[in-house]
């Protein structure tokens, strides 16, 4: 009985909040939704419908544009939702490599973006990351959007691709085999 009453209390708190949502940012605030190459609709009937469409299009795994190219490029679209309207027009997108338990800011993963106007709560754009700019295949990244050093939204991102192939065969010269330099 206690679990049922706790669940009912939680639902009674959440459902009115969802019903009062006037914008998709009310439902998705603080998130960056990576949609790959999928385009989102320009019109929707309600914020809940748009939030559902965005969640269905969400894809944190991005494959390279050309799988056979020597230098890989990953292109994707994203949409960010802010909890509160921004008083500024400038935001900073930062990408950190997070494999191995630590965060390392990618030097070529920092760039400025500009909103259409002040008091915006939703921002969308596209990004192209290149392997030649230190981004690696099959690594996990954290994408953040900041304004005045305050994190507004974030998302994980995995750049996929076919890794290097090794035959397992090693060739040594006679000198190397004998241990001479």
C-alpha atoms as a PDB file:
ATOM      1  CA  UNK A   1       0.000   0.000   0.000  1.00  0.00           C
ATOM      2  CA  UNK A   2       2.858   2.367   0.811  1.00  0.00           C
ATOM      3  CA  UNK A   3       4.473   1.849  -2.628  1.00  0.00           C
ATOM      4  CA  UNK A   4       1.160   2.623  -4.344  1.00  0.00           C
ATOM      5  CA  UNK A   5       0.740   5.859  -2.391  1.00  0.00           C
ATOM      6  CA  UNK A   6       4.339   6.930  -3.151  1.00  0.00           C
ATOM      7  CA  UNK A   7       3.786   6.186  -6.843  1.00  0.00           C
ATOM      8  CA  UNK A   8       0.513   8.135  -6.858  1.00  0.00           C
ATOM      9  CA  UNK A   9       2.182  11.103  -5.165  1.00  0.00           C
ATOM     10  CA  UNK A  10       5.025  11.036  -7.727  1.00  0.00           C
ATOM     11  CA  UNK A  11       2.556  10.857 -10.616  1.00  0.00           C
ATOM     12  CA  UNK A  12       0.437  13.631  -9.165  1.00  0.00           C
ATOM     13  CA  UNK A  13       3.541  15.842  -9.124  1.00  0.00           C
ATOM     14  CA  UNK A  14       4.882  14.886 -12.579  1.00  0.00           C
ATOM     15  CA  UNK A  15       1.695  14.798 -14.645  1.00  0.00           C
ATOM     16  CA  UNK A  16       0.620  18.400 -13.956  1.00  0.00           C
ATOM     17  CA  UNK A  17       4.159  19.571 -14.710  1.00  0.00           C
ATOM     18  CA  UNK A  18       4.068  17.762 -18.056  1.00  0.00           C
ATOM     19  CA  UNK A  19       0.582  19.090 -18.791  1.00  0.00           C
ATOM     20  CA  UNK A  20       1.726  22.650 -18.036  1.00  0.00           C
ATOM     21  CA  UNK A  21       4.736  22.391 -20.344  1.00  0.00           C
ATOM     22  CA  UNK A  22       4.366  25.180 -22.848  1.00  0.00           C
ATOM     23  CA  UNK A  23       7.563  24.500 -24.768  1.00  0.00           C
ATOM     24  CA  UNK A  24       9.666  21.443 -25.613  1.00  0.00           C
ATOM     25  CA  UNK A  25      12.492  23.001 -23.557  1.00  0.00           C
ATOM     26  CA  UNK A  26      10.299  22.601 -20.465  1.00  0.00           C
ATOM     27  CA  UNK A  27      10.394  18.829 -21.031  1.00  0.00           C
ATOM     28  CA  UNK A  28      13.930  18.397 -22.400  1.00  0.00           C
ATOM     29  CA  UNK A  29      15.861  21.199 -20.646  1.00  0.00           C
ATOM     30  CA  UNK A  30      19.556  20.498 -20.126  1.00  0.00           C
ATOM     31  CA  UNK A  31      19.858  17.958 -22.935  1.00  0.00           C
ATOM     32  CA  UNK A  32      21.551  17.896 -26.290  1.00  0.00           C
ATOM     33  CA  UNK A  33      19.789  15.490 -28.602  1.00  0.00           C
ATOM     34  CA  UNK A  34      22.002  14.198 -31.400  1.00  0.00           C
ATOM     35  CA  UNK A  35      19.857  13.192 -34.336  1.00  0.00           C
ATOM     36  CA  UNK A  36      22.514  12.056 -36.782  1.00  0.00           C
ATOM     37  CA  UNK A  37      21.361  13.028 -40.247  1.00  0.00           C
ATOM     38  CA  UNK A  38      17.630  12.871 -39.420  1.00  0.00           C
ATOM     39  CA  UNK A  39      15.703  16.096 -39.838  1.00  0.00           C
ATOM     40  CA  UNK A  40      13.185  17.059 -37.192  1.00  0.00           C
ATOM     41  CA  UNK A  41       9.721  18.327 -38.144  1.00  0.00           C
ATOM     42  CA  UNK A  42       9.195  22.082 -38.274  1.00  0.00           C
ATOM     43  CA  UNK A  43       5.658  21.922 -36.862  1.00  0.00           C
ATOM     44  CA  UNK A  44       4.043  19.916 -34.072  1.00  0.00           C
ATOM     45  CA  UNK A  45       0.726  19.824 -32.244  1.00  0.00           C
ATOM     46  CA  UNK A  46       2.051  20.006 -28.680  1.00  0.00           C
ATOM     47  CA  UNK A  47       5.316  20.155 -26.749  1.00  0.00           C
ATOM     48  CA  UNK A  48       4.766  16.547 -25.681  1.00  0.00           C
ATOM     49  CA  UNK A  49       4.446  15.438 -29.319  1.00  0.00           C
ATOM     50  CA  UNK A  50       7.624  17.278 -30.284  1.00  0.00           C
ATOM     51  CA  UNK A  51       9.504  15.817 -27.285  1.00  0.00           C
ATOM     52  CA  UNK A  52       8.394  12.335 -28.355  1.00  0.00           C
ATOM     53  CA  UNK A  53       9.555  12.956 -31.954  1.00  0.00           C
ATOM     54  CA  UNK A  54      12.925  14.217 -30.716  1.00  0.00           C
ATOM     55  CA  UNK A  55      13.402  11.227 -28.417  1.00  0.00           C
ATOM     56  CA  UNK A  56      12.597   8.852 -31.307  1.00  0.00           C
ATOM     57  CA  UNK A  57      15.145  10.592 -33.557  1.00  0.00           C
ATOM     58  CA  UNK A  58      17.844  10.602 -30.849  1.00  0.00           C
ATOM     59  CA  UNK A  59      21.017   8.745 -31.805  1.00  0.00           C
ATOM     60  CA  UNK A  60      24.256   9.058 -29.851  1.00  0.00           C
ATOM     61  CA  UNK A  61      26.194   6.778 -32.193  1.00  0.00           C
ATOM     62  CA  UNK A  62      27.470   8.500 -35.339  1.00  0.00           C
ATOM     63  CA  UNK A  63      29.027   6.669 -38.276  1.00  0.00           C
ATOM     64  CA  UNK A  64      31.450   8.312 -40.740  1.00  0.00           C
ATOM     65  CA  UNK A  65      30.128  10.002 -43.865  1.00  0.00           C
ATOM     66  CA  UNK A  66      32.310   7.833 -46.134  1.00  0.00           C
ATOM     67  CA  UNK A  67      33.235   4.471 -44.663  1.00  0.00           C
ATOM     68  CA  UNK A  68      36.034   3.800 -47.176  1.00  0.00           C
ATOM     69  CA  UNK A  69      37.775   7.190 -46.982  1.00  0.00           C
ATOM     70  CA  UNK A  70      41.258   7.238 -45.464  1.00  0.00           C
ATOM     71  CA  UNK A  71      40.503  10.222 -43.212  1.00  0.00           C
ATOM     72  CA  UNK A  72      37.098   9.873 -41.607  1.00  0.00           C
ATOM     73  CA  UNK A  73      34.575  12.678 -41.143  1.00  0.00           C
ATOM     74  CA  UNK A  74      31.533  12.444 -38.914  1.00  0.00           C
ATOM     75  CA  UNK A  75      28.651  14.820 -39.675  1.00  0.00           C
ATOM     76  CA  UNK A  76      25.575  15.065 -37.511  1.00  0.00           C
ATOM     77  CA  UNK A  77      22.806  17.412 -36.456  1.00  0.00           C
ATOM     78  CA  UNK A  78      21.898  18.233 -32.905  1.00  0.00           C
ATOM     79  CA  UNK A  79      19.320  20.195 -30.995  1.00  0.00           C
ATOM     80  CA  UNK A  80      19.941  21.620 -27.513  1.00  0.00           C
ATOM     81  CA  UNK A  81      17.332  22.533 -24.932  1.00  0.00           C
ATOM     82  CA  UNK A  82      18.029  25.059 -22.178  1.00  0.00           C
ATOM     83  CA  UNK A  83      16.177  25.128 -18.856  1.00  0.00           C
ATOM     84  CA  UNK A  84      15.979  28.902 -18.827  1.00  0.00           C
ATOM     85  CA  UNK A  85      16.112  31.607 -21.521  1.00  0.00           C
ATOM     86  CA  UNK A  86      19.609  32.869 -22.274  1.00  0.00           C
ATOM     87  CA  UNK A  87      20.300  36.544 -21.843  1.00  0.00           C
ATOM     88  CA  UNK A  88      23.219  36.260 -24.241  1.00  0.00           C
ATOM     89  CA  UNK A  89      23.474  35.303 -27.918  1.00  0.00           C
ATOM     90  CA  UNK A  90      26.808  33.461 -27.736  1.00  0.00           C
ATOM     91  CA  UNK A  91      27.282  29.863 -26.620  1.00  0.00           C
ATOM     92  CA  UNK A  92      30.344  27.631 -26.619  1.00  0.00           C
ATOM     93  CA  UNK A  93      30.218  24.022 -27.776  1.00  0.00           C
ATOM     94  CA  UNK A  94      32.898  21.831 -26.177  1.00  0.00           C
ATOM     95  CA  UNK A  95      33.701  18.208 -26.894  1.00  0.00           C
ATOM     96  CA  UNK A  96      35.605  16.109 -24.353  1.00  0.00           C
ATOM     97  CA  UNK A  97      36.984  12.612 -24.858  1.00  0.00           C
ATOM     98  CA  UNK A  98      35.738  10.561 -21.897  1.00  0.00           C
ATOM     99  CA  UNK A  99      37.176   7.098 -22.531  1.00  0.00           C
ATOM    100  CA  UNK A 100      39.255   5.678 -19.703  1.00  0.00           C
ATOM    101  CA  UNK A 101      37.459   7.432 -16.850  1.00  0.00           C
ATOM    102  CA  UNK A 102      38.892  10.919 -17.380  1.00  0.00           C
ATOM    103  CA  UNK A 103      37.793  13.931 -19.401  1.00  0.00           C
ATOM    104  CA  UNK A 104      40.132  15.446 -21.954  1.00  0.00           C
ATOM    105  CA  UNK A 105      39.021  18.574 -23.792  1.00  0.00           C
ATOM    106  CA  UNK A 106      39.595  18.115 -27.501  1.00  0.00           C
ATOM    107  CA  UNK A 107      41.605  21.110 -28.798  1.00  0.00           C
ATOM    108  CA  UNK A 108      39.662  21.119 -32.082  1.00  0.00           C
ATOM    109  CA  UNK A 109      36.388  20.429 -30.301  1.00  0.00           C
ATOM    110  CA  UNK A 110      35.735  23.954 -29.019  1.00  0.00           C
ATOM    111  CA  UNK A 111      33.763  26.389 -31.136  1.00  0.00           C
ATOM    112  CA  UNK A 112      31.466  29.353 -30.708  1.00  0.00           C
ATOM    113  CA  UNK A 113      27.893  29.412 -31.937  1.00  0.00           C
ATOM    114  CA  UNK A 114      25.426  32.282 -32.003  1.00  0.00           C
ATOM    115  CA  UNK A 115      21.723  32.174 -31.210  1.00  0.00           C
ATOM    116  CA  UNK A 116      19.197  34.035 -33.371  1.00  0.00           C
ATOM    117  CA  UNK A 117      18.326  36.315 -30.485  1.00  0.00           C
ATOM    118  CA  UNK A 118      18.280  36.694 -26.743  1.00  0.00           C
ATOM    119  CA  UNK A 119      15.960  34.650 -24.523  1.00  0.00           C
ATOM    120  CA  UNK A 120      16.262  31.546 -26.736  1.00  0.00           C
ATOM    121  CA  UNK A 121      15.719  28.134 -25.125  1.00  0.00           C
ATOM    122  CA  UNK A 122      16.275  25.875 -28.127  1.00  0.00           C
ATOM    123  CA  UNK A 123      19.259  25.818 -30.461  1.00  0.00           C
ATOM    124  CA  UNK A 124      20.002  23.484 -33.348  1.00  0.00           C
ATOM    125  CA  UNK A 125      22.958  23.175 -35.649  1.00  0.00           C
ATOM    126  CA  UNK A 126      25.165  20.658 -37.379  1.00  0.00           C
ATOM    127  CA  UNK A 127      28.769  19.611 -36.785  1.00  0.00           C
ATOM    128  CA  UNK A 128      31.455  17.894 -38.814  1.00  0.00           C
ATOM    129  CA  UNK A 129      34.299  16.286 -36.879  1.00  0.00           C
ATOM    130  CA  UNK A 130      37.409  15.041 -38.667  1.00  0.00           C
ATOM    131  CA  UNK A 131      39.803  12.272 -37.761  1.00  0.00           C
ATOM    132  CA  UNK A 132      42.663  14.536 -38.873  1.00  0.00           C
ATOM    133  CA  UNK A 133      41.667  16.900 -36.025  1.00  0.00           C
ATOM    134  CA  UNK A 134      42.461  14.315 -33.315  1.00  0.00           C
ATOM    135  CA  UNK A 135      39.013  12.695 -33.187  1.00  0.00           C
ATOM    136  CA  UNK A 136      39.307   8.921 -33.070  1.00  0.00           C
ATOM    137  CA  UNK A 137      37.169   6.081 -34.279  1.00  0.00           C
ATOM    138  CA  UNK A 138      35.231   4.036 -31.688  1.00  0.00           C
ATOM    139  CA  UNK A 139      35.791   6.525 -28.867  1.00  0.00           C
ATOM    140  CA  UNK A 140      33.275   8.034 -26.464  1.00  0.00           C
ATOM    141  CA  UNK A 141      32.913  11.802 -26.154  1.00  0.00           C
ATOM    142  CA  UNK A 142      30.913  14.261 -24.066  1.00  0.00           C
ATOM    143  CA  UNK A 143      29.403  17.198 -25.949  1.00  0.00           C
ATOM    144  CA  UNK A 144      28.486  20.225 -23.843  1.00  0.00           C
ATOM    145  CA  UNK A 145      27.054  23.673 -24.473  1.00  0.00           C
ATOM    146  CA  UNK A 146      28.160  26.425 -22.156  1.00  0.00           C
ATOM    147  CA  UNK A 147      27.475  30.095 -21.658  1.00  0.00           C
ATOM    148  CA  UNK A 148      29.785  32.165 -19.466  1.00  0.00           C
ATOM    149  CA  UNK A 149      31.397  28.938 -18.139  1.00  0.00           C
ATOM    150  CA  UNK A 150      28.051  27.542 -17.019  1.00  0.00           C
ATOM    151  CA  UNK A 151      27.019  24.196 -18.535  1.00  0.00           C
ATOM    152  CA  UNK A 152      23.580  24.507 -20.122  1.00  0.00           C
ATOM    153  CA  UNK A 153      23.196  21.135 -21.831  1.00  0.00           C
ATOM    154  CA  UNK A 154      25.169  17.956 -22.465  1.00  0.00           C
ATOM    155  CA  UNK A 155      25.075  14.598 -24.226  1.00  0.00           C
ATOM    156  CA  UNK A 156      27.279  11.597 -24.868  1.00  0.00           C
ATOM    157  CA  UNK A 157      28.537  10.925 -28.376  1.00  0.00           C
ATOM    158  CA  UNK A 158      30.220   7.842 -29.832  1.00  0.00           C
ATOM    159  CA  UNK A 159      32.111   8.152 -33.124  1.00  0.00           C
ATOM    160  CA  UNK A 160      31.988   4.773 -34.827  1.00  0.00           C
ATOM    161  CA  UNK A 161      33.915   3.380 -37.735  1.00  0.00           C
ATOM    162  CA  UNK A 162      35.995   0.462 -38.808  1.00  0.00           C
ATOM    163  CA  UNK A 163      39.223   0.275 -36.823  1.00  0.00           C
ATOM    164  CA  UNK A 164      42.659  -0.478 -38.170  1.00  0.00           C
ATOM    165  CA  UNK A 165      43.156  -4.030 -39.411  1.00  0.00           C
ATOM    166  CA  UNK A 166      46.210  -5.976 -38.356  1.00  0.00           C
ATOM    167  CA  UNK A 167      47.341  -9.271 -39.880  1.00  0.00           C
ATOM    168  CA  UNK A 168      49.215 -10.468 -36.793  1.00  0.00           C
ATOM    169  CA  UNK A 169      52.305 -11.081 -38.894  1.00  0.00           C
ATOM    170  CA  UNK A 170      55.527  -9.411 -37.773  1.00  0.00           C
ATOM    171  CA  UNK A 171      58.640  -9.181 -39.929  1.00  0.00           C
ATOM    172  CA  UNK A 172      62.057  -8.835 -38.287  1.00  0.00           C
ATOM    173  CA  UNK A 173      65.361  -8.260 -39.981  1.00  0.00           C
ATOM    174  CA  UNK A 174      68.147 -10.752 -39.268  1.00  0.00           C
ATOM    175  CA  UNK A 175      69.888  -8.230 -36.993  1.00  0.00           C
ATOM    176  CA  UNK A 176      66.707  -7.609 -34.984  1.00  0.00           C
ATOM    177  CA  UNK A 177      66.129 -11.349 -34.681  1.00  0.00           C
ATOM    178  CA  UNK A 178      69.657 -11.825 -33.305  1.00  0.00           C
ATOM    179  CA  UNK A 179      69.125  -8.980 -30.833  1.00  0.00           C
ATOM    180  CA  UNK A 180      71.543  -6.557 -32.473  1.00  0.00           C
ATOM    181  CA  UNK A 181      70.717  -3.003 -33.267  1.00  0.00           C
END
